Full PDB file with SEQRES, HELIX, SHEET, SSBOND, CRYST1, ORIGX, SCALE, CONECT and MASTER records, all heavy atoms in Angstrom:
SEQRES   1 A   30  ASP GLY ALA ARG ILE LEU ALA PRO GLY THR ILE GLU LEU          
SEQRES   2 A   30  MET ALA SER ASN HIS LEU THR ASP ILE VAL MET ALA ALA          
SEQRES   3 A   30  PRO ASP ALA ALA                                              
HELIX    1 AA1 PRO A    8  MET A   14  1                                   7    
HELIX    2 AA2 ASP A   21  MET A   24  1                                   4    
CRYST1    1.000    1.000    1.000  90.00  90.00  90.00 P 1           1          
ORIGX1      1.000000  0.000000  0.000000        0.00000                         
ORIGX2      0.000000  1.000000  0.000000        0.00000                         
ORIGX3      0.000000  0.000000  1.000000        0.00000                         
SCALE1      1.000000  0.000000  0.000000        0.00000                         
SCALE2      0.000000  1.000000  0.000000        0.00000                         
SCALE3      0.000000  0.000000  1.000000        0.00000                         
ATOM      1  N   ASP A   1       0.820  -1.220   0.000  1.00  0.00           N  
ATOM      2  CA  ASP A   1       0.000   0.000   0.000  1.00  0.00           C  
ATOM      3  C   ASP A   1       0.852   1.267   0.000  1.00  0.00           C  
ATOM      4  O   ASP A   1       0.570   2.240   0.717  1.00  0.00           O  
ATOM      5  CB  ASP A   1      -0.953   0.015   1.200  1.00  0.00           C  
ATOM      6  CG  ASP A   1      -2.017  -1.068   1.116  1.00  0.00           C  
ATOM      7  OD1 ASP A   1      -2.215  -1.630   0.017  1.00  0.00           O  
ATOM      8  OD2 ASP A   1      -2.643  -1.362   2.158  1.00  0.00           O  
ATOM      9  N   GLY A   2       1.913   1.247  -0.781  1.00  0.00           N  
ATOM     10  CA  GLY A   2       2.758   2.426  -0.916  1.00  0.00           C  
ATOM     11  C   GLY A   2       3.846   2.554   0.123  1.00  0.00           C  
ATOM     12  O   GLY A   2       4.693   3.446   0.016  1.00  0.00           O  
ATOM     13  N   ALA A   3       3.840   1.690   1.120  1.00  0.00           N  
ATOM     14  CA  ALA A   3       4.885   1.726   2.150  1.00  0.00           C  
ATOM     15  C   ALA A   3       5.952   0.697   1.806  1.00  0.00           C  
ATOM     16  O   ALA A   3       5.680  -0.510   1.837  1.00  0.00           O  
ATOM     17  CB  ALA A   3       4.284   1.440   3.522  1.00  0.00           C  
ATOM     18  N   ARG A   4       7.130   1.141   1.443  1.00  0.00           N  
ATOM     19  CA  ARG A   4       8.218   0.214   1.128  1.00  0.00           C  
ATOM     20  C   ARG A   4       9.098   0.037   2.346  1.00  0.00           C  
ATOM     21  O   ARG A   4       9.667   0.984   2.870  1.00  0.00           O  
ATOM     22  CB  ARG A   4       9.052   0.691  -0.066  1.00  0.00           C  
ATOM     23  CG  ARG A   4      10.236  -0.261  -0.348  1.00  0.00           C  
ATOM     24  CD  ARG A   4      10.737  -0.189  -1.757  1.00  0.00           C  
ATOM     25  NE  ARG A   4       9.783  -0.614  -2.769  1.00  0.00           N  
ATOM     26  CZ  ARG A   4       9.486  -1.878  -3.049  1.00  0.00           C  
ATOM     27  NH1 ARG A   4      10.053  -2.873  -2.350  1.00  0.00           N  
ATOM     28  NH2 ARG A   4       8.616  -2.171  -3.997  1.00  0.00           N  
ATOM     29  N   ILE A   5       9.218  -1.214   2.789  1.00  0.00           N  
ATOM     30  CA  ILE A   5      10.023  -1.551   3.953  1.00  0.00           C  
ATOM     31  C   ILE A   5      11.402  -2.027   3.516  1.00  0.00           C  
ATOM     32  O   ILE A   5      12.415  -1.643   4.093  1.00  0.00           O  
ATOM     33  CB  ILE A   5       9.329  -2.634   4.800  1.00  0.00           C  
ATOM     34  CG1 ILE A   5       7.879  -2.233   5.123  1.00  0.00           C  
ATOM     35  CG2 ILE A   5      10.116  -2.904   6.083  1.00  0.00           C  
ATOM     36  CD1 ILE A   5       7.739  -0.940   5.891  1.00  0.00           C  
ATOM     37  N   LEU A   6      11.446  -2.883   2.497  1.00  0.00           N  
ATOM     38  CA  LEU A   6      12.697  -3.426   1.970  1.00  0.00           C  
ATOM     39  C   LEU A   6      12.621  -3.487   0.448  1.00  0.00           C  
ATOM     40  O   LEU A   6      11.532  -3.430  -0.139  1.00  0.00           O  
ATOM     41  CB  LEU A   6      12.962  -4.826   2.529  1.00  0.00           C  
ATOM     42  CG  LEU A   6      13.266  -4.944   4.028  1.00  0.00           C  
ATOM     43  CD1 LEU A   6      13.293  -6.415   4.444  1.00  0.00           C  
ATOM     44  CD2 LEU A   6      14.580  -4.261   4.395  1.00  0.00           C  
ATOM     45  N   ALA A   7      13.755  -3.657  -0.192  1.00  0.00           N  
ATOM     46  CA  ALA A   7      13.809  -3.843  -1.641  1.00  0.00           C  
ATOM     47  C   ALA A   7      13.534  -5.301  -1.991  1.00  0.00           C  
ATOM     48  O   ALA A   7      13.771  -6.203  -1.174  1.00  0.00           O  
ATOM     49  CB  ALA A   7      15.185  -3.440  -2.161  1.00  0.00           C  
ATOM     50  N   PRO A   8      13.033  -5.570  -3.199  1.00  0.00           N  
ATOM     51  CA  PRO A   8      12.759  -6.958  -3.597  1.00  0.00           C  
ATOM     52  C   PRO A   8      13.979  -7.869  -3.474  1.00  0.00           C  
ATOM     53  O   PRO A   8      13.861  -9.018  -3.031  1.00  0.00           O  
ATOM     54  CB  PRO A   8      12.308  -6.826  -5.054  1.00  0.00           C  
ATOM     55  CG  PRO A   8      11.742  -5.449  -5.144  1.00  0.00           C  
ATOM     56  CD  PRO A   8      12.585  -4.612  -4.234  1.00  0.00           C  
ATOM     57  N   GLY A   9      15.155  -7.366  -3.832  1.00  0.00           N  
ATOM     58  CA  GLY A   9      16.350  -8.192  -3.747  1.00  0.00           C  
ATOM     59  C   GLY A   9      16.694  -8.578  -2.320  1.00  0.00           C  
ATOM     60  O   GLY A   9      17.259  -9.654  -2.077  1.00  0.00           O  
ATOM     61  N   THR A  10      16.363  -7.723  -1.388  1.00  0.00           N  
ATOM     62  CA  THR A  10      16.630  -8.022   0.021  1.00  0.00           C  
ATOM     63  C   THR A  10      15.731  -9.151   0.508  1.00  0.00           C  
ATOM     64  O   THR A  10      16.170 -10.048   1.239  1.00  0.00           O  
ATOM     65  CB  THR A  10      16.424  -6.763   0.878  1.00  0.00           C  
ATOM     66  OG1 THR A  10      17.219  -5.702   0.358  1.00  0.00           O  
ATOM     67  CG2 THR A  10      16.805  -7.023   2.324  1.00  0.00           C  
ATOM     68  N   ILE A  11      14.465  -9.123   0.102  1.00  0.00           N  
ATOM     69  CA  ILE A  11      13.545 -10.205   0.459  1.00  0.00           C  
ATOM     70  C   ILE A  11      14.042 -11.517  -0.151  1.00  0.00           C  
ATOM     71  O   ILE A  11      14.033 -12.572   0.503  1.00  0.00           O  
ATOM     72  CB  ILE A  11      12.118  -9.900  -0.020  1.00  0.00           C  
ATOM     73  CG1 ILE A  11      11.611  -8.587   0.563  1.00  0.00           C  
ATOM     74  CG2 ILE A  11      11.179 -11.052   0.324  1.00  0.00           C  
ATOM     75  CD1 ILE A  11      11.480  -8.563   2.059  1.00  0.00           C  
ATOM     76  N   GLU A  12      14.483 -11.458  -1.395  1.00  0.00           N  
ATOM     77  CA  GLU A  12      14.996 -12.665  -2.048  1.00  0.00           C  
ATOM     78  C   GLU A  12      16.216 -13.208  -1.304  1.00  0.00           C  
ATOM     79  O   GLU A  12      16.375 -14.428  -1.146  1.00  0.00           O  
ATOM     80  CB  GLU A  12      15.347 -12.361  -3.501  1.00  0.00           C  
ATOM     81  CG  GLU A  12      15.795 -13.577  -4.293  1.00  0.00           C  
ATOM     82  CD  GLU A  12      16.067 -13.262  -5.748  1.00  0.00           C  
ATOM     83  OE1 GLU A  12      15.808 -12.118  -6.191  1.00  0.00           O  
ATOM     84  OE2 GLU A  12      16.555 -14.170  -6.464  1.00  0.00           O  
ATOM     85  N   LEU A  13      17.069 -12.318  -0.830  1.00  0.00           N  
ATOM     86  CA  LEU A  13      18.240 -12.739  -0.065  1.00  0.00           C  
ATOM     87  C   LEU A  13      17.818 -13.429   1.233  1.00  0.00           C  
ATOM     88  O   LEU A  13      18.359 -14.476   1.592  1.00  0.00           O  
ATOM     89  CB  LEU A  13      19.122 -11.531   0.244  1.00  0.00           C  
ATOM     90  CG  LEU A  13      20.387 -11.787   1.063  1.00  0.00           C  
ATOM     91  CD1 LEU A  13      21.361 -12.677   0.290  1.00  0.00           C  
ATOM     92  CD2 LEU A  13      21.053 -10.463   1.439  1.00  0.00           C  
ATOM     93  N   MET A  14      16.845 -12.877   1.925  1.00  0.00           N  
ATOM     94  CA  MET A  14      16.369 -13.471   3.172  1.00  0.00           C  
ATOM     95  C   MET A  14      15.772 -14.855   2.942  1.00  0.00           C  
ATOM     96  O   MET A  14      15.926 -15.749   3.777  1.00  0.00           O  
ATOM     97  CB  MET A  14      15.304 -12.592   3.823  1.00  0.00           C  
ATOM     98  CG  MET A  14      15.781 -11.250   4.311  1.00  0.00           C  
ATOM     99  SD  MET A  14      14.474 -10.340   5.175  1.00  0.00           S  
ATOM    100  CE  MET A  14      14.391 -11.240   6.729  1.00  0.00           C  
ATOM    101  N   ALA A  15      15.092 -15.024   1.817  1.00  0.00           N  
ATOM    102  CA  ALA A  15      14.371 -16.266   1.540  1.00  0.00           C  
ATOM    103  C   ALA A  15      15.210 -17.276   0.763  1.00  0.00           C  
ATOM    104  O   ALA A  15      14.670 -18.255   0.255  1.00  0.00           O  
ATOM    105  CB  ALA A  15      13.085 -15.957   0.776  1.00  0.00           C  
ATOM    106  N   SER A  16      16.510 -17.052   0.668  1.00  0.00           N  
ATOM    107  CA  SER A  16      17.417 -17.998   0.027  1.00  0.00           C  
ATOM    108  C   SER A  16      18.074 -18.878   1.087  1.00  0.00           C  
ATOM    109  O   SER A  16      18.246 -18.470   2.236  1.00  0.00           O  
ATOM    110  CB  SER A  16      18.507 -17.248  -0.754  1.00  0.00           C  
ATOM    111  OG  SER A  16      17.952 -16.457  -1.787  1.00  0.00           O  
ATOM    112  N   ASN A  17      18.443 -20.084   0.699  1.00  0.00           N  
ATOM    113  CA  ASN A  17      19.123 -20.975   1.628  1.00  0.00           C  
ATOM    114  C   ASN A  17      20.544 -20.474   1.898  1.00  0.00           C  
ATOM    115  O   ASN A  17      21.327 -20.287   0.974  1.00  0.00           O  
ATOM    116  CB  ASN A  17      19.169 -22.391   1.062  1.00  0.00           C  
ATOM    117  CG  ASN A  17      19.923 -23.345   1.963  1.00  0.00           C  
ATOM    118  OD1 ASN A  17      19.814 -23.265   3.180  1.00  0.00           O  
ATOM    119  ND2 ASN A  17      20.682 -24.247   1.379  1.00  0.00           N  
ATOM    120  N   HIS A  18      20.872 -20.257   3.176  1.00  0.00           N  
ATOM    121  CA  HIS A  18      22.204 -19.787   3.555  1.00  0.00           C  
ATOM    122  C   HIS A  18      23.029 -20.859   4.255  1.00  0.00           C  
ATOM    123  O   HIS A  18      24.143 -20.569   4.714  1.00  0.00           O  
ATOM    124  CB  HIS A  18      22.087 -18.560   4.458  1.00  0.00           C  
ATOM    125  CG  HIS A  18      21.707 -17.312   3.731  1.00  0.00           C  
ATOM    126  ND1 HIS A  18      22.606 -16.312   3.412  1.00  0.00           N  
ATOM    127  CD2 HIS A  18      20.511 -16.894   3.233  1.00  0.00           C  
ATOM    128  CE1 HIS A  18      21.982 -15.337   2.767  1.00  0.00           C  
ATOM    129  NE2 HIS A  18      20.706 -15.668   2.652  1.00  0.00           N  
ATOM    130  N   LEU A  19      22.530 -22.078   4.330  1.00  0.00           N  
ATOM    131  CA  LEU A  19      23.273 -23.132   5.006  1.00  0.00           C  
ATOM    132  C   LEU A  19      24.363 -23.682   4.096  1.00  0.00           C  
ATOM    133  O   LEU A  19      24.134 -23.924   2.912  1.00  0.00           O  
ATOM    134  CB  LEU A  19      22.334 -24.264   5.430  1.00  0.00           C  
ATOM    135  CG  LEU A  19      21.194 -23.881   6.377  1.00  0.00           C  
ATOM    136  CD1 LEU A  19      20.421 -25.124   6.806  1.00  0.00           C  
ATOM    137  CD2 LEU A  19      21.725 -23.130   7.600  1.00  0.00           C  
ATOM    138  N   THR A  20      25.536 -23.894   4.660  1.00  0.00           N  
ATOM    139  CA  THR A  20      26.649 -24.432   3.894  1.00  0.00           C  
ATOM    140  C   THR A  20      26.496 -25.940   3.717  1.00  0.00           C  
ATOM    141  O   THR A  20      25.711 -26.599   4.398  1.00  0.00           O  
ATOM    142  CB  THR A  20      27.972 -24.148   4.605  1.00  0.00           C  
ATOM    143  OG1 THR A  20      27.983 -24.865   5.856  1.00  0.00           O  
ATOM    144  CG2 THR A  20      28.148 -22.666   4.868  1.00  0.00           C  
ATOM    145  N   ASP A  21      27.281 -26.484   2.806  1.00  0.00           N  
ATOM    146  CA  ASP A  21      27.278 -27.936   2.611  1.00  0.00           C  
ATOM    147  C   ASP A  21      27.687 -28.649   3.898  1.00  0.00           C  
ATOM    148  O   ASP A  21      27.171 -29.731   4.205  1.00  0.00           O  
ATOM    149  CB  ASP A  21      28.238 -28.314   1.477  1.00  0.00           C  
ATOM    150  CG  ASP A  21      27.755 -27.833   0.118  1.00  0.00           C  
ATOM    151  OD1 ASP A  21      26.560 -27.497   0.001  1.00  0.00           O  
ATOM    152  OD2 ASP A  21      28.577 -27.784  -0.821  1.00  0.00           O  
ATOM    153  N   ILE A  22      28.602 -28.053   4.649  1.00  0.00           N  
ATOM    154  CA  ILE A  22      29.051 -28.662   5.907  1.00  0.00           C  
ATOM    155  C   ILE A  22      27.891 -28.773   6.886  1.00  0.00           C  
ATOM    156  O   ILE A  22      27.674 -29.817   7.505  1.00  0.00           O  
ATOM    157  CB  ILE A  22      30.194 -27.830   6.524  1.00  0.00           C  
ATOM    158  CG1 ILE A  22      31.453 -27.944   5.670  1.00  0.00           C  
ATOM    159  CG2 ILE A  22      30.486 -28.274   7.955  1.00  0.00           C  
ATOM    160  CD1 ILE A  22      32.587 -27.034   6.133  1.00  0.00           C  
ATOM    161  N   VAL A  23      27.133 -27.709   7.019  1.00  0.00           N  
ATOM    162  CA  VAL A  23      26.003 -27.716   7.949  1.00  0.00           C  
ATOM    163  C   VAL A  23      24.939 -28.713   7.494  1.00  0.00           C  
ATOM    164  O   VAL A  23      24.405 -29.484   8.293  1.00  0.00           O  
ATOM    165  CB  VAL A  23      25.394 -26.304   8.068  1.00  0.00           C  
ATOM    166  CG1 VAL A  23      24.078 -26.337   8.836  1.00  0.00           C  
ATOM    167  CG2 VAL A  23      26.382 -25.363   8.753  1.00  0.00           C  
ATOM    168  N   MET A  24      24.647 -28.736   6.200  1.00  0.00           N  
ATOM    169  CA  MET A  24      23.573 -29.600   5.705  1.00  0.00           C  
ATOM    170  C   MET A  24      23.984 -31.067   5.663  1.00  0.00           C  
ATOM    171  O   MET A  24      23.128 -31.953   5.566  1.00  0.00           O  
ATOM    172  CB  MET A  24      23.112 -29.119   4.328  1.00  0.00           C  
ATOM    173  CG  MET A  24      22.539 -27.709   4.358  1.00  0.00           C  
ATOM    174  SD  MET A  24      21.840 -27.153   2.783  1.00  0.00           S  
ATOM    175  CE  MET A  24      20.209 -27.889   2.844  1.00  0.00           C  
ATOM    176  N   ALA A  25      25.287 -31.325   5.762  1.00  0.00           N  
ATOM    177  CA  ALA A  25      25.766 -32.708   5.767  1.00  0.00           C  
ATOM    178  C   ALA A  25      26.026 -33.228   7.180  1.00  0.00           C  
ATOM    179  O   ALA A  25      26.421 -34.376   7.353  1.00  0.00           O  
ATOM    180  CB  ALA A  25      27.049 -32.822   4.949  1.00  0.00           C  
ATOM    181  N   ALA A  26      25.776 -32.381   8.186  1.00  0.00           N  
ATOM    182  CA  ALA A  26      26.037 -32.790   9.563  1.00  0.00           C  
ATOM    183  C   ALA A  26      25.119 -33.944   9.971  1.00  0.00           C  
ATOM    184  O   ALA A  26      23.989 -34.064   9.472  1.00  0.00           O  
ATOM    185  CB  ALA A  26      25.829 -31.609  10.506  1.00  0.00           C  
ATOM    186  N   PRO A  27      25.586 -34.815  10.864  1.00  0.00           N  
ATOM    187  CA  PRO A  27      24.720 -35.905  11.348  1.00  0.00           C  
ATOM    188  C   PRO A  27      23.443 -35.328  11.956  1.00  0.00           C  
ATOM    189  O   PRO A  27      23.471 -34.337  12.681  1.00  0.00           O  
ATOM    190  CB  PRO A  27      25.588 -36.577  12.418  1.00  0.00           C  
ATOM    191  CG  PRO A  27      26.993 -36.227  12.059  1.00  0.00           C  
ATOM    192  CD  PRO A  27      26.927 -34.853  11.463  1.00  0.00           C  
ATOM    193  N   ASP A  28      22.322 -35.965  11.625  1.00  0.00           N  
ATOM    194  CA  ASP A  28      21.016 -35.526  12.130  1.00  0.00           C  
ATOM    195  C   ASP A  28      20.709 -34.077  11.767  1.00  0.00           C  
ATOM    196  O   ASP A  28      20.056 -33.351  12.537  1.00  0.00           O  
ATOM    197  CB  ASP A  28      20.943 -35.704  13.653  1.00  0.00           C  
ATOM    198  CG  ASP A  28      21.163 -37.147  14.079  1.00  0.00           C  
ATOM    199  OD1 ASP A  28      20.636 -38.052  13.387  1.00  0.00           O  
ATOM    200  OD2 ASP A  28      21.851 -37.370  15.088  1.00  0.00           O  
ATOM    201  N   ALA A  29      21.166 -33.638  10.600  1.00  0.00           N  
ATOM    202  CA  ALA A  29      20.919 -32.263  10.178  1.00  0.00           C  
ATOM    203  C   ALA A  29      19.422 -31.982  10.103  1.00  0.00           C  
ATOM    204  O   ALA A  29      18.652 -32.764   9.544  1.00  0.00           O  
ATOM    205  CB  ALA A  29      21.556 -32.010   8.813  1.00  0.00           C  
ATOM    206  N   ALA A  30      19.012 -30.871  10.694  1.00  0.00           N  
ATOM    207  CA  ALA A  30      17.600 -30.493  10.656  1.00  0.00           C  
ATOM    208  C   ALA A  30      17.180 -30.094   9.249  1.00  0.00           C  
ATOM    209  O   ALA A  30      16.025 -30.284   8.848  1.00  0.00           O  
ATOM    210  CB  ALA A  30      17.356 -29.340  11.627  1.00  0.00           C  
TER     211      ALA A  30                                                      
MASTER        0    0    0    2    0    0    0    6  210    1    0    3          
END                                                                             
């Protein structure tokens, strides 16, 4: 409604996976 809080690219950055291969390969990785 005309109120801009963040830029589209910033939202895309937030909603991207930031976990490394090391973290995602950990035993019992969530």
